[in-house]
Protein backbone atom coordinates (compact mmCIF):
# COMPACT_ATOMS: atom_id res chain seq x y z
CA MET A 1 102.56 186.72 -123.58
CA LEU A 2 104.02 186.17 -120.13
CA PHE A 3 104.19 182.86 -118.43
CA GLY A 4 101.79 181.92 -120.46
CA LEU A 5 98.97 184.60 -119.42
CA THR A 6 98.05 187.42 -122.84
CA LEU A 7 98.54 190.32 -120.94
CA ARG A 8 95.94 192.67 -121.50
CA GLU A 9 95.94 197.13 -121.42
CA ALA A 10 94.52 198.43 -118.04
CA PRO A 11 90.55 199.83 -118.51
CA LYS A 12 90.73 203.87 -118.59
CA GLU A 13 88.22 203.98 -116.12
CA LYS A 14 88.74 203.73 -112.33
CA ALA A 15 87.29 200.71 -110.52
CA ASN A 16 84.68 201.53 -107.85
CA LEU A 17 86.16 200.12 -104.94
CA PRO A 18 84.80 200.13 -101.62
CA LEU A 19 86.31 201.67 -98.66
CA SER A 20 85.22 200.41 -96.28
CA GLY A 21 85.24 196.66 -95.20
CA PRO A 22 86.81 194.49 -92.08
CA TYR A 23 90.52 195.05 -93.60
CA SER A 24 90.36 198.68 -95.28
CA ALA A 25 92.40 200.57 -93.11
CA GLY A 26 95.91 200.46 -92.87
CA GLY A 27 97.57 198.05 -90.45
CA ASP A 28 94.24 196.23 -90.12
CA GLU A 29 95.58 192.73 -90.56
CA PRO A 30 93.86 189.37 -90.51
CA PRO A 31 95.28 187.01 -88.02
CA LEU A 32 98.03 183.88 -89.44
CA ARG A 33 95.60 181.79 -88.20
CA GLU A 34 92.44 183.12 -90.49
CA LEU A 35 95.13 183.28 -93.38
CA LEU A 36 96.44 179.30 -93.01
CA GLU A 37 92.60 178.19 -93.22
CA ASP A 38 91.04 180.36 -96.20
CA PRO A 39 90.83 178.57 -99.20
CA LEU A 40 91.94 181.23 -102.00
CA ILE A 41 96.01 180.39 -99.45
CA HIS A 42 95.37 176.26 -100.31
CA MET A 43 94.60 177.08 -103.89
CA VAL A 44 98.19 179.01 -104.61
CA ALA A 45 100.01 176.52 -102.39
CA ARG A 46 98.66 173.51 -103.95
CA SER A 47 99.39 175.25 -107.48
CA ASP A 48 103.21 175.32 -106.17
CA LYS A 49 102.90 171.64 -105.32
CA ILE A 50 102.92 172.88 -101.39
CA GLY A 51 100.76 170.41 -99.20
CA ARG A 52 98.70 172.29 -96.20
CA ASP A 53 101.33 170.40 -93.71
CA GLN A 54 104.15 171.87 -95.58
CA LEU A 55 102.49 175.38 -95.42
CA VAL A 56 101.89 175.23 -91.63
CA GLY A 57 105.01 173.86 -90.68
CA CYS A 58 106.98 175.99 -92.39
CA VAL A 59 105.51 179.19 -90.55
CA GLU A 60 105.98 177.36 -87.54
CA ASN A 61 109.48 177.51 -88.41
CA MET A 62 109.77 181.22 -89.26
CA ARG A 63 108.44 181.98 -86.48
CA ARG A 64 110.98 179.68 -83.79
CA ARG A 65 113.82 181.25 -86.33
CA LEU A 66 112.17 185.31 -85.36
CA ASN A 67 111.75 184.68 -81.52
CA LYS A 68 115.09 182.86 -81.08
CA ASN A 69 116.53 186.47 -82.94
CA SER A 70 114.22 188.46 -81.37
CA CYS A 71 115.38 187.79 -77.46
């Protein structure tokens, strides 16, 4: 048991994953705005006790820092 989770042995057979999709090729990434609207991102943040405003504020703060250092 690790962090309250029981780890299971990986299945022997390979998963049959789709080879095509909106982000299946390397280099294709969703826009940040789209990620920040994703309900799954909010569920994970909520489980970490991070509110939407904190999450967006953190992203904006990092964006400003990166822009400041790139000049």
